[in-house]
C-alpha atoms as a PDB file:
ATOM      1  CA  MET A   1      -3.945 -21.830   5.550  1.00  0.00           C
ATOM      2  CA  VAL A   2      -4.920 -22.744   9.082  1.00  0.00           C
ATOM      3  CA  GLU A   3      -2.030 -24.363  10.907  1.00  0.00           C
ATOM      4  CA  HIS A   4      -2.317 -28.137  10.674  1.00  0.00           C
ATOM      5  CA  ASP A   5      -1.350 -28.748  14.306  1.00  0.00           C
ATOM      6  CA  SER A   6      -4.028 -26.359  15.608  1.00  0.00           C
ATOM      7  CA  LEU A   7      -6.722 -27.855  13.389  1.00  0.00           C
ATOM      8  CA  ALA A   8      -5.761 -31.413  14.315  1.00  0.00           C
ATOM      9  CA  ALA A   9      -5.727 -30.580  18.024  1.00  0.00           C
ATOM     10  CA  THR A  10      -9.186 -29.002  17.798  1.00  0.00           C
ATOM     11  CA  ARG A  11     -10.528 -31.981  15.848  1.00  0.00           C
ATOM     12  CA  ASP A  12      -9.131 -34.518  18.318  1.00  0.00           C
ATOM     13  CA  SER A  13     -10.391 -32.572  21.342  1.00  0.00           C
ATOM     14  CA  TYR A  14     -13.926 -32.307  19.974  1.00  0.00           C
ATOM     15  CA  ASP A  15     -13.916 -35.946  18.921  1.00  0.00           C
ATOM     16  CA  ALA A  16     -13.151 -36.877  22.526  1.00  0.00           C
ATOM     17  CA  ALA A  17     -15.799 -34.515  23.932  1.00  0.00           C
ATOM     18  CA  ALA A  18     -18.481 -35.037  21.267  1.00  0.00           C
ATOM     19  CA  LEU A  19     -20.994 -37.116  23.227  1.00  0.00           C
ATOM     20  CA  ALA A  20     -20.776 -35.005  26.391  1.00  0.00           C
ATOM     21  CA  TYR A  21     -20.986 -31.812  24.318  1.00  0.00           C
ATOM     22  CA  ALA A  22     -24.099 -33.004  22.511  1.00  0.00           C
ATOM     23  CA  GLN A  23     -25.795 -33.974  25.761  1.00  0.00           C
ATOM     24  CA  LEU A  24     -24.957 -30.631  27.335  1.00  0.00           C
ATOM     25  CA  PHE A  25     -25.933 -28.295  24.492  1.00  0.00           C
ATOM     26  CA  SER A  26     -28.539 -30.080  22.357  1.00  0.00           C
ATOM     27  CA  ASP A  27     -31.417 -28.058  23.842  1.00  0.00           C
ATOM     28  CA  SER A  28     -29.462 -24.902  24.713  1.00  0.00           C
ATOM     29  CA  LEU A  29     -31.389 -22.651  22.294  1.00  0.00           C
ATOM     30  CA  GLN A  30     -34.507 -23.261  24.362  1.00  0.00           C
ATOM     31  CA  ASP A  31     -33.104 -21.096  27.159  1.00  0.00           C
ATOM     32  CA  ARG A  32     -31.517 -18.437  24.911  1.00  0.00           C
ATOM     33  CA  PRO A  33     -34.245 -16.227  23.417  1.00  0.00           C
ATOM     34  CA  LEU A  34     -31.765 -13.639  22.136  1.00  0.00           C
ATOM     35  CA  ASP A  35     -29.887 -16.299  20.193  1.00  0.00           C
ATOM     36  CA  ARG A  36     -33.144 -17.541  18.700  1.00  0.00           C
ATOM     37  CA  ALA A  37     -34.058 -13.964  17.766  1.00  0.00           C
ATOM     38  CA  ILE A  38     -30.878 -13.303  15.806  1.00  0.00           C
ATOM     39  CA  LEU A  39     -31.130 -16.686  14.104  1.00  0.00           C
ATOM     40  CA  ASP A  40     -34.679 -15.699  13.110  1.00  0.00           C
ATOM     41  CA  ALA A  41     -33.399 -12.386  11.702  1.00  0.00           C
ATOM     42  CA  PHE A  42     -30.616 -14.172   9.816  1.00  0.00           C
ATOM     43  CA  ALA A  43     -33.108 -16.654   8.352  1.00  0.00           C
ATOM     44  CA  GLU A  44     -35.405 -13.830   7.229  1.00  0.00           C
ATOM     45  CA  LEU A  45     -32.532 -12.038   5.496  1.00  0.00           C
ATOM     46  CA  VAL A  46     -31.555 -15.247   3.724  1.00  0.00           C
ATOM     47  CA  ARG A  47     -35.121 -16.003   2.632  1.00  0.00           C
ATOM     48  CA  THR A  48     -35.451 -12.596   0.970  1.00  0.00           C
ATOM     49  CA  SER A  49     -32.813 -13.660  -1.558  1.00  0.00           C
ATOM     50  CA  GLY A  50     -35.124 -16.336  -2.912  1.00  0.00           C
ATOM     51  CA  ASP A  51     -32.448 -19.013  -2.440  1.00  0.00           C
ATOM     52  CA  THR A  52     -32.339 -20.585   1.003  1.00  0.00           C
ATOM     53  CA  ARG A  53     -29.099 -22.592   0.855  1.00  0.00           C
ATOM     54  CA  VAL A  54     -27.125 -22.107   4.081  1.00  0.00           C
ATOM     55  CA  ALA A  55     -24.065 -23.814   5.558  1.00  0.00           C
ATOM     56  CA  ASP A  56     -23.649 -24.113   9.325  1.00  0.00           C
ATOM     57  CA  LEU A  57     -19.854 -24.158   9.632  1.00  0.00           C
ATOM     58  CA  GLY A  58     -18.624 -25.718  12.838  1.00  0.00           C
ATOM     59  CA  CYS A  59     -22.038 -27.324  13.244  1.00  0.00           C
ATOM     60  CA  GLY A  60     -21.082 -29.694  16.061  1.00  0.00           C
ATOM     61  CA  PRO A  61     -23.875 -32.198  16.762  1.00  0.00           C
ATOM     62  CA  GLY A  62     -26.220 -30.375  14.390  1.00  0.00           C
ATOM     63  CA  TYR A  63     -28.893 -28.878  16.624  1.00  0.00           C
ATOM     64  CA  VAL A  64     -28.505 -25.349  15.219  1.00  0.00           C
ATOM     65  CA  THR A  65     -28.478 -26.705  11.665  1.00  0.00           C
ATOM     66  CA  ALA A  66     -31.787 -28.392  12.458  1.00  0.00           C
ATOM     67  CA  HIS A  67     -33.131 -25.139  13.922  1.00  0.00           C
ATOM     68  CA  LEU A  68     -32.268 -23.314  10.688  1.00  0.00           C
ATOM     69  CA  HIS A  69     -34.092 -26.036   8.760  1.00  0.00           C
ATOM     70  CA  LYS A  70     -37.190 -25.422  10.891  1.00  0.00           C
ATOM     71  CA  LEU A  71     -36.918 -21.733   9.973  1.00  0.00           C
ATOM     72  CA  GLY A  72     -37.339 -22.640   6.308  1.00  0.00           C
ATOM     73  CA  LEU A  73     -33.716 -22.762   5.202  1.00  0.00           C
ATOM     74  CA  ALA A  74     -32.031 -25.468   3.129  1.00  0.00           C
ATOM     75  CA  ALA A  75     -29.409 -25.927   5.823  1.00  0.00           C
ATOM     76  CA  SER A  76     -26.463 -28.283   5.850  1.00  0.00           C
ATOM     77  CA  GLY A  77     -23.635 -28.648   8.348  1.00  0.00           C
ATOM     78  CA  VAL A  78     -19.844 -28.926   8.224  1.00  0.00           C
ATOM     79  CA  ASP A  79     -17.525 -29.741  11.106  1.00  0.00           C
ATOM     80  CA  VAL A  80     -13.882 -30.746  11.434  1.00  0.00           C
ATOM     81  CA  SER A  81     -14.774 -33.418  14.015  1.00  0.00           C
ATOM     82  CA  PRO A  82     -15.872 -36.766  12.537  1.00  0.00           C
ATOM     83  CA  ALA A  83     -17.408 -37.736  15.875  1.00  0.00           C
ATOM     84  CA  MET A  84     -19.587 -34.610  15.874  1.00  0.00           C
ATOM     85  CA  ILE A  85     -20.707 -35.310  12.312  1.00  0.00           C
ATOM     86  CA  THR A  86     -21.620 -38.881  13.247  1.00  0.00           C
ATOM     87  CA  LEU A  87     -23.822 -37.600  16.073  1.00  0.00           C
ATOM     88  CA  ALA A  88     -25.412 -34.988  13.809  1.00  0.00           C
ATOM     89  CA  ARG A  89     -26.251 -37.572  11.147  1.00  0.00           C
ATOM     90  CA  GLU A  90     -27.764 -39.884  13.748  1.00  0.00           C
ATOM     91  CA  ALA A  91     -29.882 -37.111  15.294  1.00  0.00           C
ATOM     92  CA  TYR A  92     -31.000 -35.501  12.020  1.00  0.00           C
ATOM     93  CA  PRO A  93     -30.873 -38.151   9.259  1.00  0.00           C
ATOM     94  CA  ASP A  94     -32.828 -35.988   6.805  1.00  0.00           C
ATOM     95  CA  LEU A  95     -30.166 -33.244   6.787  1.00  0.00           C
ATOM     96  CA  ARG A  96     -26.741 -33.237   5.180  1.00  0.00           C
ATOM     97  CA  PHE A  97     -23.612 -33.142   7.346  1.00  0.00           C
ATOM     98  CA  ASP A  98     -20.022 -33.341   6.095  1.00  0.00           C
ATOM     99  CA  VAL A  99     -16.602 -33.517   7.696  1.00  0.00           C
ATOM    100  CA  GLY A 100     -14.557 -30.545   6.556  1.00  0.00           C
ATOM    101  CA  SER A 101     -12.479 -27.499   7.412  1.00  0.00           C
ATOM    102  CA  MET A 102     -13.649 -23.890   7.251  1.00  0.00           C
ATOM    103  CA  ALA A 103     -10.280 -23.051   5.720  1.00  0.00           C
ATOM    104  CA  ALA A 104     -10.926 -25.222   2.634  1.00  0.00           C
ATOM    105  CA  LEU A 105     -14.637 -25.766   2.091  1.00  0.00           C
ATOM    106  CA  ASP A 106     -15.850 -28.274  -0.473  1.00  0.00           C
ATOM    107  CA  ILE A 107     -18.463 -25.767  -1.632  1.00  0.00           C
ATOM    108  CA  ALA A 108     -18.546 -24.078  -5.037  1.00  0.00           C
ATOM    109  CA  ASP A 109     -17.972 -20.350  -5.386  1.00  0.00           C
ATOM    110  CA  GLY A 110     -20.971 -18.101  -4.806  1.00  0.00           C
ATOM    111  CA  THR A 111     -23.502 -20.867  -4.186  1.00  0.00           C
ATOM    112  CA  LEU A 112     -24.753 -20.042  -0.673  1.00  0.00           C
ATOM    113  CA  SER A 113     -27.209 -17.397   0.451  1.00  0.00           C
ATOM    114  CA  GLY A 114     -26.101 -17.761   4.051  1.00  0.00           C
ATOM    115  CA  VAL A 115     -23.176 -18.858   6.183  1.00  0.00           C
ATOM    116  CA  LEU A 116     -23.457 -19.436   9.913  1.00  0.00           C
ATOM    117  CA  SER A 117     -20.263 -19.468  11.979  1.00  0.00           C
ATOM    118  CA  ARG A 118     -21.493 -19.724  15.554  1.00  0.00           C
ATOM    119  CA  TRP A 119     -18.500 -19.712  17.925  1.00  0.00           C
ATOM    120  CA  SER A 120     -16.608 -21.796  15.359  1.00  0.00           C
ATOM    121  CA  ILE A 121     -13.739 -19.358  14.678  1.00  0.00           C
ATOM    122  CA  ILE A 122     -12.736 -19.112  18.338  1.00  0.00           C
ATOM    123  CA  HIS A 123     -10.262 -21.991  18.130  1.00  0.00           C
ATOM    124  CA  THR A 124      -8.519 -20.606  15.046  1.00  0.00           C
ATOM    125  CA  PRO A 125      -5.177 -18.848  15.650  1.00  0.00           C
ATOM    126  CA  PRO A 126      -5.762 -15.124  14.967  1.00  0.00           C
ATOM    127  CA  GLN A 127      -3.269 -14.987  12.101  1.00  0.00           C
ATOM    128  CA  ASP A 128      -5.307 -17.628  10.252  1.00  0.00           C
ATOM    129  CA  VAL A 129      -8.743 -16.022  10.639  1.00  0.00           C
ATOM    130  CA  PRO A 130      -8.467 -13.706   7.568  1.00  0.00           C
ATOM    131  CA  ALA A 131      -8.101 -16.732   5.280  1.00  0.00           C
ATOM    132  CA  ILE A 132     -11.262 -18.239   6.774  1.00  0.00           C
ATOM    133  CA  LEU A 133     -13.195 -14.984   6.285  1.00  0.00           C
ATOM    134  CA  ASP A 134     -12.030 -14.990   2.659  1.00  0.00           C
ATOM    135  CA  GLU A 135     -13.409 -18.525   2.360  1.00  0.00           C
ATOM    136  CA  PHE A 136     -16.769 -17.386   3.755  1.00  0.00           C
ATOM    137  CA  HIS A 137     -16.792 -14.614   1.139  1.00  0.00           C
ATOM    138  CA  ARG A 138     -15.919 -17.075  -1.635  1.00  0.00           C
ATOM    139  CA  VAL A 139     -18.835 -19.441  -1.010  1.00  0.00           C
ATOM    140  CA  LEU A 140     -21.433 -16.708  -0.495  1.00  0.00           C
ATOM    141  CA  ALA A 141     -23.452 -15.452  -3.424  1.00  0.00           C
ATOM    142  CA  PRO A 142     -23.590 -11.672  -3.949  1.00  0.00           C
ATOM    143  CA  GLY A 143     -26.084 -10.323  -1.417  1.00  0.00           C
ATOM    144  CA  GLY A 144     -25.597 -13.377   0.796  1.00  0.00           C
ATOM    145  CA  HIS A 145     -25.357 -13.019   4.570  1.00  0.00           C
ATOM    146  CA  LEU A 146     -22.964 -14.238   7.230  1.00  0.00           C
ATOM    147  CA  LEU A 147     -23.862 -14.601  10.908  1.00  0.00           C
ATOM    148  CA  ILE A 148     -20.739 -14.969  13.022  1.00  0.00           C
ATOM    149  CA  GLY A 149     -20.648 -15.417  16.803  1.00  0.00           C
ATOM    150  CA  PHE A 150     -17.715 -15.075  19.191  1.00  0.00           C
ATOM    151  CA  SER A 151     -16.711 -14.065  22.705  1.00  0.00           C
ATOM    152  CA  ALA A 152     -15.623 -10.446  23.078  1.00  0.00           C
ATOM    153  CA  SER A 153     -12.357  -9.141  24.480  1.00  0.00           C
ATOM    154  CA  GLU A 154     -12.507  -6.047  26.692  1.00  0.00           C
ATOM    155  CA  ASP A 155      -9.505  -4.082  25.464  1.00  0.00           C
ATOM    156  CA  PRO A 156      -9.363  -2.540  21.963  1.00  0.00           C
ATOM    157  CA  SER A 157      -5.585  -2.224  22.279  1.00  0.00           C
ATOM    158  CA  HIS A 158      -5.439  -6.039  22.503  1.00  0.00           C
ATOM    159  CA  PRO A 159      -7.938  -7.143  19.837  1.00  0.00           C
ATOM    160  CA  THR A 160      -7.466 -10.837  20.554  1.00  0.00           C
ATOM    161  CA  GLN A 161      -7.144 -12.513  23.936  1.00  0.00           C
ATOM    162  CA  VAL A 162      -6.633 -16.163  24.793  1.00  0.00           C
ATOM    163  CA  PHE A 163      -9.148 -17.643  27.203  1.00  0.00           C
ATOM    164  CA  ASP A 164      -9.517 -20.906  29.060  1.00  0.00           C
ATOM    165  CA  HIS A 165     -11.832 -23.164  27.061  1.00  0.00           C
ATOM    166  CA  SER A 166     -12.706 -26.612  28.347  1.00  0.00           C
ATOM    167  CA  VAL A 167     -12.204 -28.330  24.980  1.00  0.00           C
ATOM    168  CA  ALA A 168      -9.428 -26.555  23.043  1.00  0.00           C
ATOM    169  CA  PRO A 169      -7.383 -23.321  23.150  1.00  0.00           C
ATOM    170  CA  ALA A 170      -9.593 -20.386  22.207  1.00  0.00           C
ATOM    171  CA  TYR A 171      -9.519 -16.671  21.490  1.00  0.00           C
ATOM    172  CA  ARG A 172     -11.741 -13.680  22.187  1.00  0.00           C
ATOM    173  CA  TRP A 173     -12.028 -10.776  19.739  1.00  0.00           C
ATOM    174  CA  TRP A 174     -12.579  -7.036  20.058  1.00  0.00           C
ATOM    175  CA  PRO A 175     -15.839  -6.686  18.053  1.00  0.00           C
ATOM    176  CA  ASP A 176     -14.861  -3.638  16.003  1.00  0.00           C
ATOM    177  CA  HIS A 177     -11.577  -5.290  15.057  1.00  0.00           C
ATOM    178  CA  LEU A 178     -13.326  -8.386  13.738  1.00  0.00           C
ATOM    179  CA  ALA A 179     -15.886  -6.196  11.935  1.00  0.00           C
ATOM    180  CA  ALA A 180     -12.987  -4.411  10.206  1.00  0.00           C
ATOM    181  CA  MET A 181     -11.543  -7.770   9.156  1.00  0.00           C
ATOM    182  CA  LEU A 182     -14.922  -8.707   7.709  1.00  0.00           C
ATOM    183  CA  ARG A 183     -14.993  -5.476   5.696  1.00  0.00           C
ATOM    184  CA  LYS A 184     -11.514  -6.217   4.358  1.00  0.00           C
ATOM    185  CA  ALA A 185     -12.813  -9.633   3.248  1.00  0.00           C
ATOM    186  CA  GLY A 186     -15.699  -7.967   1.392  1.00  0.00           C
ATOM    187  CA  LEU A 187     -18.347  -8.596   4.061  1.00  0.00           C
ATOM    188  CA  ALA A 188     -19.981  -5.402   5.348  1.00  0.00           C
ATOM    189  CA  GLU A 189     -21.541  -5.459   8.809  1.00  0.00           C
ATOM    190  CA  VAL A 190     -25.273  -4.760   8.797  1.00  0.00           C
ATOM    191  CA  GLY A 191     -25.988  -5.369  12.478  1.00  0.00           C
ATOM    192  CA  ARG A 192     -24.802  -6.902  15.706  1.00  0.00           C
ATOM    193  CA  MET A 193     -26.207  -8.267  18.943  1.00  0.00           C
ATOM    194  CA  VAL A 194     -24.289  -8.108  22.211  1.00  0.00           C
ATOM    195  CA  ARG A 195     -25.351 -10.350  25.067  1.00  0.00           C
ATOM    196  CA  GLU A 196     -24.077  -9.286  28.470  1.00  0.00           C
ATOM    197  CA  PRO A 197     -22.830 -12.046  30.777  1.00  0.00           C
ATOM    198  CA  GLN A 198     -25.392 -13.389  33.187  1.00  0.00           C
ATOM    199  CA  PRO A 199     -24.676 -14.448  36.791  1.00  0.00           C
ATOM    200  CA  GLU A 200     -25.113 -18.102  35.917  1.00  0.00           C
ATOM    201  CA  ASP A 201     -22.668 -17.980  32.992  1.00  0.00           C
ATOM    202  CA  LYS A 202     -19.440 -19.901  33.485  1.00  0.00           C
ATOM    203  CA  ARG A 203     -17.449 -17.230  31.642  1.00  0.00           C
ATOM    204  CA  GLN A 204     -18.170 -13.586  32.344  1.00  0.00           C
ATOM    205  CA  PHE A 205     -17.590 -12.405  28.763  1.00  0.00           C
ATOM    206  CA  GLN A 206     -19.813 -10.505  26.392  1.00  0.00           C
ATOM    207  CA  GLU A 207     -21.113 -12.660  23.562  1.00  0.00           C
ATOM    208  CA  VAL A 208     -21.243 -10.915  20.181  1.00  0.00           C
ATOM    209  CA  GLN A 209     -23.038 -11.962  17.020  1.00  0.00           C
ATOM    210  CA  LEU A 210     -22.464  -9.955  13.841  1.00  0.00           C
ATOM    211  CA  ILE A 211     -24.483 -10.124  10.634  1.00  0.00           C
ATOM    212  CA  ALA A 212     -22.559  -9.113   7.516  1.00  0.00           C
ATOM    213  CA  CYS A 213     -23.471  -9.031   3.838  1.00  0.00           C
ATOM    214  CA  LYS A 214     -21.463  -9.733   0.685  1.00  0.00           C
ATOM    215  CA  ALA A 215     -21.810  -6.887  -1.796  1.00  0.00           C
ATOM    216  CA  GLU A 216     -24.124  -7.338  -4.744  1.00  0.00           C
ATOM    217  CA  ALA A 217     -22.428  -7.928  -8.072  1.00  0.00           C
ATOM    218  CA  VAL A 218     -21.835  -4.805 -10.127  1.00  0.00           C
ATOM    219  CA  VAL A 219     -23.645  -4.899 -13.473  1.00  0.00           C
ATOM    220  CA  GLY A 220     -22.122  -3.243 -16.520  1.00  0.00           C
END
C-alpha cells in the first residue's frame, strides 16, 4: 500500500497548484507531436480489442483524457487531487472524472482495455510502485494495454533517482528496470518511445513512454 503520508502530501500539493497547472499544461499536447503519436498508437491498440474503455490514472485537469476521447476511446479519469478533478469536470462535463488513488482503484477486475499512467507514478516512493503496477494489471482485461510515462535516470546501477519537482517529491527510473517490474506484474513491454531533452526543456532528462500488454487468458 502506498504510504499515506506520501499520498496525502502529493494530493495537497496538487490541490494547491491545480489552477496554475491547468493553465500551464492544458494545451501542451499541441506542441508535442511525439506524445500525440504514441497516444495515437495506444488508442489504435486499444481499439483493436473491440472494447474501448480506458482509464487515465493521474488525469490532472483532464486534457489528456479528453484527447483520448477524441481518438475514439471511452475514456474516464482518476486523480488523487479533488481540486484537479473539479477542474476536469468543469472543462469536460461530458466525461467521467473521479477522485481516487492508483493504489486502490474503484474499478472492477479485468474491465479495462487500456490504462494510461502519464507521469503519474513519479511521485510514488519506489518501494510502493510494484503494488500500483499490480493494480494496473488487475483492472486490465486480458490483451489490454498500458501506456506509462516517466522521466529516465541515467545510471542503471541506481535505477531510481530523486529529482527536484516543483509540486511534490519525485523519482526518475532506469527504463529497463521499470520494464522488468512491469514483466513481473504480468505486463510485457511491446514498445517504447524515448524523447531526448530539448534546449528549452526545464529539466534535461530523457522522457520515456512504455507500452505494455497483459497476457491473453489461457483457454483449456
